[in-house]
Amino acid sequence: MAKGIGAVGTQFLTFGSADEPFVTAGGEALPSVTLAYETYGTLNEKGDNAILLFHALSGSQHAAGTNTSVPGIEPRWTEEMHEGWWDSFIGAGRALDTSKYFIICANYLGGCYGSTGPASLNPATGKPYGADFPRITVHDIVRSQLPLLEALGVGKLHAVLGASLGGMLALDFAVHYPDLVANVIPIATGLRAHGLQQMHNLEQIIAITRDPDFKGGDYYGTSGPVHGLALARMISHKTFFWADVIEERARVDIVQPEMDIPWYRLSSSLESYMIYQGQKFVKRFDANSYLRIIDAWQQFDLHADAEERGVSSVFANCQDQRYLVFTIDSDCCFYPDYQTEICAELKRANVPHMRLTVHSEKGHDSFLLEPKLYTPHLAYALSH
């Protein structure tokens, strides 16, 4: 019988030093890096039953169980964060079966849930990094998790898995470290930042940075760019669900947020719902982290990366891996064409793969909301 995780706690790993800093792709050095992470299940003696799970853009290390407090980040750890974001997928007898596998999920470098990011103290100044936090790439985030795998005693990963932006990280890990992982499961993701995504992301970047309270990124100790970050979330939220679903949610979950819009009075529950989503997000996320992670997404292009590495295709060295690629037919954040591109590259490189299309009315966020549509296929792929 499927069983959940129960109460869990965040753990921390710190690595690096002034003599051996973590150096980003842009050549900037962080003298030390702390990663906040959680694990579920038990690592076997061979160290080969681990699954590395990458969260989405605004996710956290808390993927399963109940965690009511993370040291050092209050009040950002709101009630919304207490239940793991993939709780219904992880546990004994569930898709990621903790009686078989050792699940690892870490908050990203640049994040705001305990890992080193813009809100962390800069040891050189004793103040938050703010605008001085270096620009990072998806591959920087991936590289930063290798010391965690080593510290945990992981040999070869049984699988890497991620959805949305997390799927991009899973793909990046797979193509750069093909000998370190057997199974790769990207869900609702792509090989690169596509044009429509880049436009939506740019709108969010402008919304945050044009807020007068952004102060060039050095807003800590103040209320910060709450209006800009809320607007950014509203821009992104409309891509998470099929439009009809958003309207339905707005009718059911009627909220009346406090917001004064000059010369305009809110005229529908849909407007109230979208404003509420933005205001709720501001309470739990840091604007600088949002910008750094979106920037990593904007730069992501595994085609260009393959060319720089001098390999014939994205998956040129991945023939010993197995891929399960998930598409969501109603996804308007990572359109099905984006997974078609992934599979075309896998086929060109003769990499074993299977593609499954999830038929859902939920849109992009189906991967968070509908475990029954994914569990049998995940369980099957992981059993091989």
Protein backbone atom coordinates (compact mmCIF):
# COMPACT_ATOMS: atom_id res chain seq x y z
CA MET A 1 0.00 0.00 0.00
CA ALA A 2 1.31 3.44 -0.91
CA LYS A 3 2.54 5.41 2.09
CA GLY A 4 3.69 9.01 2.46
CA ILE A 5 6.89 10.30 3.98
CA GLY A 6 5.63 12.09 7.10
CA ALA A 7 7.68 14.74 8.90
CA VAL A 8 11.04 15.65 7.35
CA GLY A 9 13.75 18.25 7.83
CA THR A 10 16.07 20.19 5.54
CA GLN A 11 19.77 19.38 5.71
CA PHE A 12 22.71 21.53 4.60
CA LEU A 13 26.03 20.90 2.88
CA THR A 14 28.71 23.59 2.63
CA PHE A 15 31.72 23.20 0.35
CA GLY A 16 34.48 25.37 -1.12
CA SER A 17 36.95 27.81 0.39
CA ALA A 18 38.83 30.98 -0.46
CA ASP A 19 41.57 28.79 -1.94
CA GLU A 20 39.14 26.49 -3.79
CA PRO A 21 36.07 28.58 -4.61
CA PHE A 22 33.15 27.60 -6.78
CA VAL A 23 33.74 29.37 -10.08
CA THR A 24 30.76 30.15 -12.29
CA ALA A 25 30.69 29.83 -16.06
CA GLY A 26 31.24 33.58 -16.21
CA GLY A 27 34.43 33.31 -14.15
CA GLU A 28 33.09 34.75 -10.89
CA ALA A 29 34.09 33.02 -7.66
CA LEU A 30 32.00 32.09 -4.64
CA PRO A 31 34.34 31.27 -1.74
CA SER A 32 31.85 28.78 -0.37
CA VAL A 33 28.51 27.34 -1.38
CA THR A 34 25.80 25.95 0.88
CA LEU A 35 23.12 23.67 -0.53
CA ALA A 36 19.85 23.02 1.28
CA TYR A 37 18.58 19.53 0.52
CA GLU A 38 16.27 16.74 1.58
CA THR A 39 16.51 12.99 1.07
CA TYR A 40 13.88 10.25 1.19
CA GLY A 41 14.52 6.52 1.40
CA THR A 42 17.85 4.77 1.98
CA LEU A 43 20.96 4.60 -0.18
CA ASN A 44 21.94 0.99 -0.86
CA GLU A 45 25.42 -0.44 -0.25
CA LYS A 46 26.43 -0.05 -3.89
CA GLY A 47 25.31 3.57 -3.90
CA ASP A 48 23.44 3.07 -7.17
CA ASN A 49 19.75 3.38 -6.26
CA ALA A 50 19.69 7.18 -6.00
CA ILE A 51 17.38 9.46 -7.97
CA LEU A 52 18.31 13.12 -8.30
CA LEU A 53 15.16 15.21 -8.55
CA PHE A 54 15.31 18.78 -9.86
CA HIS A 55 12.57 21.23 -8.87
CA ALA A 56 10.91 23.86 -11.06
CA LEU A 57 11.82 27.55 -11.13
CA SER A 58 10.12 28.60 -7.90
CA GLY A 59 10.29 25.21 -6.17
CA SER A 60 12.42 24.12 -3.27
CA GLN A 61 14.32 21.18 -1.79
CA HIS A 62 11.14 20.14 0.02
CA ALA A 63 9.68 17.60 -2.41
CA ALA A 64 7.87 15.25 -0.03
CA GLY A 65 6.46 14.96 3.47
CA THR A 66 5.80 17.79 5.89
CA ASN A 67 8.41 20.38 6.81
CA THR A 68 7.11 23.32 8.85
CA SER A 69 10.38 25.21 9.32
CA VAL A 70 13.73 25.75 7.59
CA PRO A 71 16.34 27.56 9.71
CA GLY A 72 17.33 31.00 8.56
CA ILE A 73 14.70 31.69 5.92
CA GLU A 74 11.65 32.73 7.92
CA PRO A 75 9.22 34.26 7.08
CA ARG A 76 9.70 33.07 3.49
CA TRP A 77 8.80 29.50 4.49
CA THR A 78 5.07 30.16 4.39
CA GLU A 79 2.34 27.63 5.12
CA GLU A 80 2.12 26.99 1.38
CA MET A 81 5.62 25.49 1.56
CA HIS A 82 4.96 23.02 4.40
CA GLU A 83 3.78 20.14 2.22
CA GLY A 84 6.29 18.78 -0.29
CA TRP A 85 5.66 19.96 -3.83
CA TRP A 86 5.71 16.34 -5.16
CA ASP A 87 4.38 14.68 -2.01
CA SER A 88 1.88 12.48 -3.84
CA PHE A 89 4.65 11.07 -6.04
CA ILE A 90 7.19 10.11 -3.36
CA GLY A 91 6.94 7.39 -0.70
CA ALA A 92 6.69 3.64 -0.25
CA GLY A 93 4.69 2.19 -3.13
CA ARG A 94 4.45 5.51 -4.95
CA ALA A 95 5.97 6.55 -8.29
CA LEU A 96 9.32 7.32 -6.68
CA ASP A 97 9.24 4.35 -4.35
CA THR A 98 11.28 5.00 -1.21
CA SER A 99 11.34 1.29 -0.40
CA LYS A 100 13.51 0.91 -3.52
CA TYR A 101 15.12 4.27 -4.21
CA PHE A 102 17.02 7.03 -2.44
CA ILE A 103 15.54 10.36 -3.54
CA ILE A 104 17.61 13.58 -3.39
CA CYS A 105 16.29 17.08 -3.99
CA ALA A 106 18.35 20.24 -3.47
CA ASN A 107 17.43 23.91 -3.60
CA TYR A 108 19.29 25.52 -6.46
CA LEU A 109 22.42 27.60 -6.21
CA GLY A 110 21.00 31.11 -6.48
CA GLY A 111 17.80 30.06 -4.71
CA CYS A 112 16.21 31.43 -1.57
CA TYR A 113 15.30 28.39 0.54
CA GLY A 114 18.59 27.80 2.30
CA SER A 115 21.05 27.43 -0.58
CA THR A 116 23.59 30.16 -1.31
CA GLY A 117 21.86 32.93 -3.24
CA PRO A 118 21.52 36.70 -3.47
CA ALA A 119 19.91 36.92 -0.01
CA SER A 120 22.83 35.03 1.59
CA LEU A 121 25.54 36.92 3.46
CA ASN A 122 28.58 37.81 1.38
CA PRO A 123 31.58 36.87 3.57
CA ALA A 124 33.55 39.77 2.11
CA THR A 125 31.05 42.37 3.35
CA GLY A 126 28.93 40.67 6.01
CA LYS A 127 25.85 41.88 4.11
CA PRO A 128 23.55 40.08 1.65
CA TYR A 129 25.09 39.61 -1.79
CA GLY A 130 22.20 41.39 -3.49
CA ALA A 131 23.34 42.82 -6.81
CA ASP A 132 26.82 41.35 -6.29
CA PHE A 133 25.63 37.76 -6.55
CA PRO A 134 27.18 36.36 -9.73
CA ARG A 135 25.28 35.50 -12.87
CA ILE A 136 24.74 31.74 -13.05
CA THR A 137 23.85 29.20 -15.71
CA VAL A 138 21.83 25.99 -15.66
CA HIS A 139 25.11 24.10 -15.83
CA ASP A 140 26.45 26.04 -12.83
CA ILE A 141 23.43 24.85 -10.85
CA VAL A 142 23.98 21.28 -12.02
CA ARG A 143 27.73 21.36 -11.21
CA SER A 144 27.01 22.68 -7.74
CA GLN A 145 25.12 19.48 -6.90
CA LEU A 146 28.02 17.12 -7.69
CA PRO A 147 29.67 17.68 -4.27
CA LEU A 148 26.34 16.77 -2.66
CA LEU A 149 26.21 13.45 -4.51
CA GLU A 150 29.78 12.72 -3.45
CA ALA A 151 29.10 13.64 0.18
CA LEU A 152 26.07 11.35 0.26
CA GLY A 153 28.07 8.43 -1.12
CA VAL A 154 26.22 8.19 -4.44
CA GLY A 155 28.06 6.27 -7.12
CA LYS A 156 26.09 6.16 -10.35
CA LEU A 157 22.60 7.67 -10.23
CA HIS A 158 19.76 5.35 -11.07
CA ALA A 159 17.94 8.34 -12.56
CA VAL A 160 17.77 12.10 -12.96
CA LEU A 161 14.30 13.54 -13.17
CA GLY A 162 12.78 16.97 -13.44
CA ALA A 163 9.84 18.90 -14.84
CA SER A 164 9.68 22.34 -16.45
CA LEU A 165 12.96 24.16 -15.71
CA GLY A 166 13.89 21.13 -13.61
CA GLY A 167 13.68 19.04 -16.78
CA MET A 168 16.26 21.32 -18.39
CA LEU A 169 18.59 20.64 -15.47
CA ALA A 170 18.00 16.91 -15.78
CA LEU A 171 18.91 17.06 -19.47
CA ASP A 172 21.97 19.18 -18.76
CA PHE A 173 23.15 16.69 -16.15
CA ALA A 174 22.58 13.77 -18.51
CA VAL A 175 24.51 15.18 -21.46
CA HIS A 176 27.46 16.47 -19.40
CA TYR A 177 27.80 13.45 -17.11
CA PRO A 178 26.53 10.50 -19.18
CA ASP A 179 28.50 7.96 -17.13
CA LEU A 180 26.88 9.11 -13.89
CA VAL A 181 23.24 8.30 -14.70
CA ALA A 182 21.34 5.38 -16.21
CA ASN A 183 17.79 6.75 -16.65
CA VAL A 184 16.71 10.25 -17.65
CA ILE A 185 13.13 11.46 -17.26
CA PRO A 186 12.43 15.00 -18.52
CA ILE A 187 8.83 16.15 -18.03
CA ALA A 188 7.25 19.05 -19.94
CA THR A 189 10.55 20.69 -20.82
CA GLY A 190 12.88 21.55 -23.69
CA LEU A 191 16.44 21.60 -25.00
CA ARG A 192 16.60 25.39 -25.05
CA ALA A 193 14.79 28.55 -24.10
CA HIS A 194 12.33 29.06 -26.93
CA GLY A 195 11.22 32.43 -28.28
CA LEU A 196 7.86 32.72 -26.53
CA GLN A 197 9.44 31.71 -23.22
CA GLN A 198 12.16 34.29 -23.67
CA MET A 199 9.55 36.98 -24.28
CA HIS A 200 7.52 35.99 -21.20
CA ASN A 201 10.70 35.84 -19.13
CA LEU A 202 11.82 39.26 -20.34
CA GLU A 203 8.47 40.74 -19.34
CA GLN A 204 9.02 39.38 -15.84
CA ILE A 205 12.59 40.69 -15.67
CA ILE A 206 11.40 44.16 -16.67
CA ALA A 207 8.50 44.04 -14.19
CA ILE A 208 10.88 43.39 -11.29
CA THR A 209 13.79 45.62 -12.25
CA ARG A 210 11.58 48.61 -13.13
CA ASP A 211 9.93 48.56 -9.72
CA PRO A 212 11.38 51.64 -7.92
CA ASP A 213 11.77 49.54 -4.77
CA PHE A 214 14.10 47.10 -6.56
CA LYS A 215 16.97 49.53 -5.87
CA GLY A 216 19.30 47.83 -8.31
CA GLY A 217 19.01 44.56 -6.40
CA ASP A 218 20.15 45.99 -3.06
CA TYR A 219 16.74 46.13 -1.38
CA TYR A 220 17.35 43.90 1.66
CA GLY A 221 16.12 45.48 4.86
CA THR A 222 13.24 47.10 2.97
CA SER A 223 9.92 45.79 1.66
CA GLY A 224 11.60 45.19 -1.70
CA PRO A 225 10.04 45.17 -5.18
CA VAL A 226 6.77 43.56 -4.11
CA HIS A 227 4.72 45.06 -6.94
CA GLY A 228 7.22 44.05 -9.61
CA LEU A 229 7.61 40.52 -8.31
CA ALA A 230 3.83 40.11 -8.01
CA LEU A 231 3.41 41.25 -11.61
CA ALA A 232 6.14 38.85 -12.73
CA ARG A 233 4.28 35.99 -11.09
CA MET A 234 1.05 37.00 -12.77
CA ILE A 235 2.81 36.99 -16.15
CA SER A 236 4.16 33.48 -15.56
CA HIS A 237 1.04 32.09 -13.90
CA LYS A 238 -1.03 32.44 -17.04
CA THR A 239 1.26 29.89 -18.74
CA PHE A 240 0.92 27.29 -15.97
CA PHE A 241 -2.69 26.35 -16.70
CA TRP A 242 -4.95 26.09 -19.71
CA ALA A 243 -6.93 29.35 -19.85
CA ASP A 244 -10.26 27.62 -19.20
CA VAL A 245 -8.82 26.08 -16.03
CA ILE A 246 -7.70 29.48 -14.73
CA GLU A 247 -11.20 30.84 -15.29
CA GLU A 248 -12.72 27.86 -13.50
CA ARG A 249 -10.36 28.25 -10.55
CA ALA A 250 -11.12 31.93 -10.36
CA ARG A 251 -14.85 31.22 -10.13
CA VAL A 252 -14.40 28.62 -7.40
CA ASP A 253 -11.63 30.30 -5.37
CA ILE A 254 -13.04 33.82 -5.21
CA VAL A 255 -10.60 36.12 -3.46
CA GLN A 256 -10.64 39.85 -2.90
CA PRO A 257 -7.01 40.98 -2.67
CA GLU A 258 -6.16 44.41 -1.39
CA MET A 259 -4.88 46.40 -4.33
CA ASP A 260 -5.34 49.96 -5.41
CA ILE A 261 -5.14 50.36 -9.18
CA PRO A 262 -5.51 53.99 -10.22
CA TRP A 263 -8.39 54.64 -12.62
CA TYR A 264 -9.50 51.02 -12.57
CA ARG A 265 -11.83 48.91 -10.47
CA LEU A 266 -11.49 45.14 -10.53
CA SER A 267 -14.44 43.79 -12.46
CA SER A 268 -14.16 40.00 -12.29
CA SER A 269 -13.12 37.12 -10.06
CA LEU A 270 -10.47 36.27 -12.67
CA GLU A 271 -8.72 39.59 -12.10
CA SER A 272 -8.88 39.11 -8.34
CA TYR A 273 -7.54 35.58 -8.67
CA MET A 274 -4.51 36.66 -10.71
CA ILE A 275 -3.66 39.50 -8.34
CA TYR A 276 -3.99 37.12 -5.39
CA GLN A 277 -1.53 34.70 -7.03
CA GLY A 278 1.00 37.49 -7.38
CA GLN A 279 0.58 38.75 -3.83
CA LYS A 280 0.82 35.25 -2.39
CA PHE A 281 4.05 34.56 -4.27
CA VAL A 282 5.76 37.70 -2.97
CA LYS A 283 5.52 36.36 0.57
CA ARG A 284 7.51 33.23 -0.23
CA PHE A 285 10.12 34.15 -2.85
CA ASP A 286 13.05 36.51 -3.26
CA ALA A 287 13.09 38.79 -6.31
CA ASN A 288 16.85 38.55 -6.85
CA SER A 289 16.69 34.75 -6.80
CA TYR A 290 13.85 34.88 -9.29
CA LEU A 291 15.93 37.04 -11.63
CA ARG A 292 19.05 34.88 -11.35
CA ILE A 293 17.17 31.64 -12.06
CA ILE A 294 15.18 33.14 -14.93
CA ASP A 295 18.45 34.42 -16.37
CA ALA A 296 19.85 30.87 -16.25
CA TRP A 297 16.76 29.71 -18.15
CA GLN A 298 17.17 32.48 -20.73
CA GLN A 299 20.75 31.39 -21.46
CA PHE A 300 19.96 27.67 -21.71
CA ASP A 301 20.65 26.10 -25.13
CA LEU A 302 21.93 22.54 -25.35
CA HIS A 303 22.39 22.85 -29.12
CA ALA A 304 24.88 25.69 -28.62
CA ASP A 305 26.43 23.80 -25.74
CA ALA A 306 27.02 20.74 -27.93
CA GLU A 307 28.69 22.92 -30.55
CA GLU A 308 30.97 24.44 -27.91
CA ARG A 309 31.89 20.98 -26.64
CA GLY A 310 32.65 19.83 -30.16
CA VAL A 311 30.20 16.93 -30.20
CA SER A 312 28.08 15.95 -33.18
CA SER A 313 24.73 16.23 -31.41
CA VAL A 314 23.25 17.08 -28.02
CA PHE A 315 23.04 13.40 -27.00
CA ALA A 316 26.19 12.22 -28.79
CA ASN A 317 27.55 10.45 -25.69
CA CYS A 318 24.29 9.19 -24.19
CA GLN A 319 23.77 5.83 -25.93
CA ASP A 320 24.01 3.91 -22.65
CA GLN A 321 21.18 5.90 -21.09
CA ARG A 322 17.42 5.36 -21.33
CA TYR A 323 14.99 8.25 -21.69
CA LEU A 324 11.32 8.68 -20.88
CA VAL A 325 10.09 12.01 -22.26
CA PHE A 326 6.75 13.34 -21.01
CA THR A 327 4.56 15.73 -22.99
CA ILE A 328 1.41 17.43 -21.68
CA ASP A 329 -0.95 18.02 -24.57
CA SER A 330 -2.45 21.22 -23.09
CA ASP A 331 0.88 22.73 -22.04
CA CYS A 332 1.30 26.35 -23.09
CA CYS A 333 4.53 26.95 -21.16
CA PHE A 334 6.60 24.12 -22.69
CA TYR A 335 4.63 23.30 -25.82
CA PRO A 336 4.57 19.69 -27.13
CA ASP A 337 6.77 20.77 -30.06
CA TYR A 338 9.58 21.28 -27.56
CA GLN A 339 9.54 17.60 -26.61
CA THR A 340 9.33 16.66 -30.29
CA GLU A 341 12.67 18.44 -30.64
CA ILE A 342 14.11 16.43 -27.73
CA CYS A 343 13.02 13.14 -29.25
CA ALA A 344 14.33 14.07 -32.69
CA GLU A 345 17.77 14.67 -31.17
CA LEU A 346 17.60 11.41 -29.21
CA LYS A 347 16.69 9.54 -32.38
CA ARG A 348 19.50 11.20 -34.33
CA ALA A 349 21.99 10.06 -31.69
CA ASN A 350 20.52 6.51 -31.50
CA VAL A 351 19.67 6.89 -27.81
CA PRO A 352 16.96 4.54 -26.45
CA HIS A 353 13.89 6.58 -25.60
CA MET A 354 10.14 6.54 -25.23
CA ARG A 355 7.71 9.46 -25.34
CA LEU A 356 4.42 9.62 -23.51
CA THR A 357 1.75 12.26 -23.99
CA VAL A 358 -0.37 13.06 -20.96
CA HIS A 359 -3.88 14.13 -21.96
CA SER A 360 -4.89 16.70 -19.39
CA GLU A 361 -7.02 19.81 -19.06
CA LYS A 362 -4.69 21.21 -16.40
CA GLY A 363 -1.96 22.53 -18.69
CA HIS A 364 1.69 22.76 -17.65
CA ASP A 365 1.03 22.23 -13.94
CA SER A 366 -0.50 18.82 -14.62
CA PHE A 367 2.82 17.33 -13.50
CA LEU A 368 2.17 18.72 -10.01
CA LEU A 369 -1.53 17.99 -9.78
CA GLU A 370 -2.29 14.63 -11.42
CA PRO A 371 -0.07 11.83 -10.07
CA LYS A 372 -2.37 9.11 -11.45
CA LEU A 373 -1.49 10.16 -15.00
CA TYR A 374 2.25 9.79 -14.40
CA THR A 375 2.78 7.17 -11.71
CA PRO A 376 2.43 3.93 -13.76
CA HIS A 377 4.84 5.20 -16.41
CA LEU A 378 7.36 6.56 -13.93
CA ALA A 379 7.30 3.33 -11.96
CA TYR A 380 7.81 1.28 -15.12
CA ALA A 381 10.69 3.41 -16.40
CA LEU A 382 12.46 3.37 -13.03
CA SER A 383 12.12 -0.40 -12.70
CA HIS A 384 14.51 -0.96 -15.61
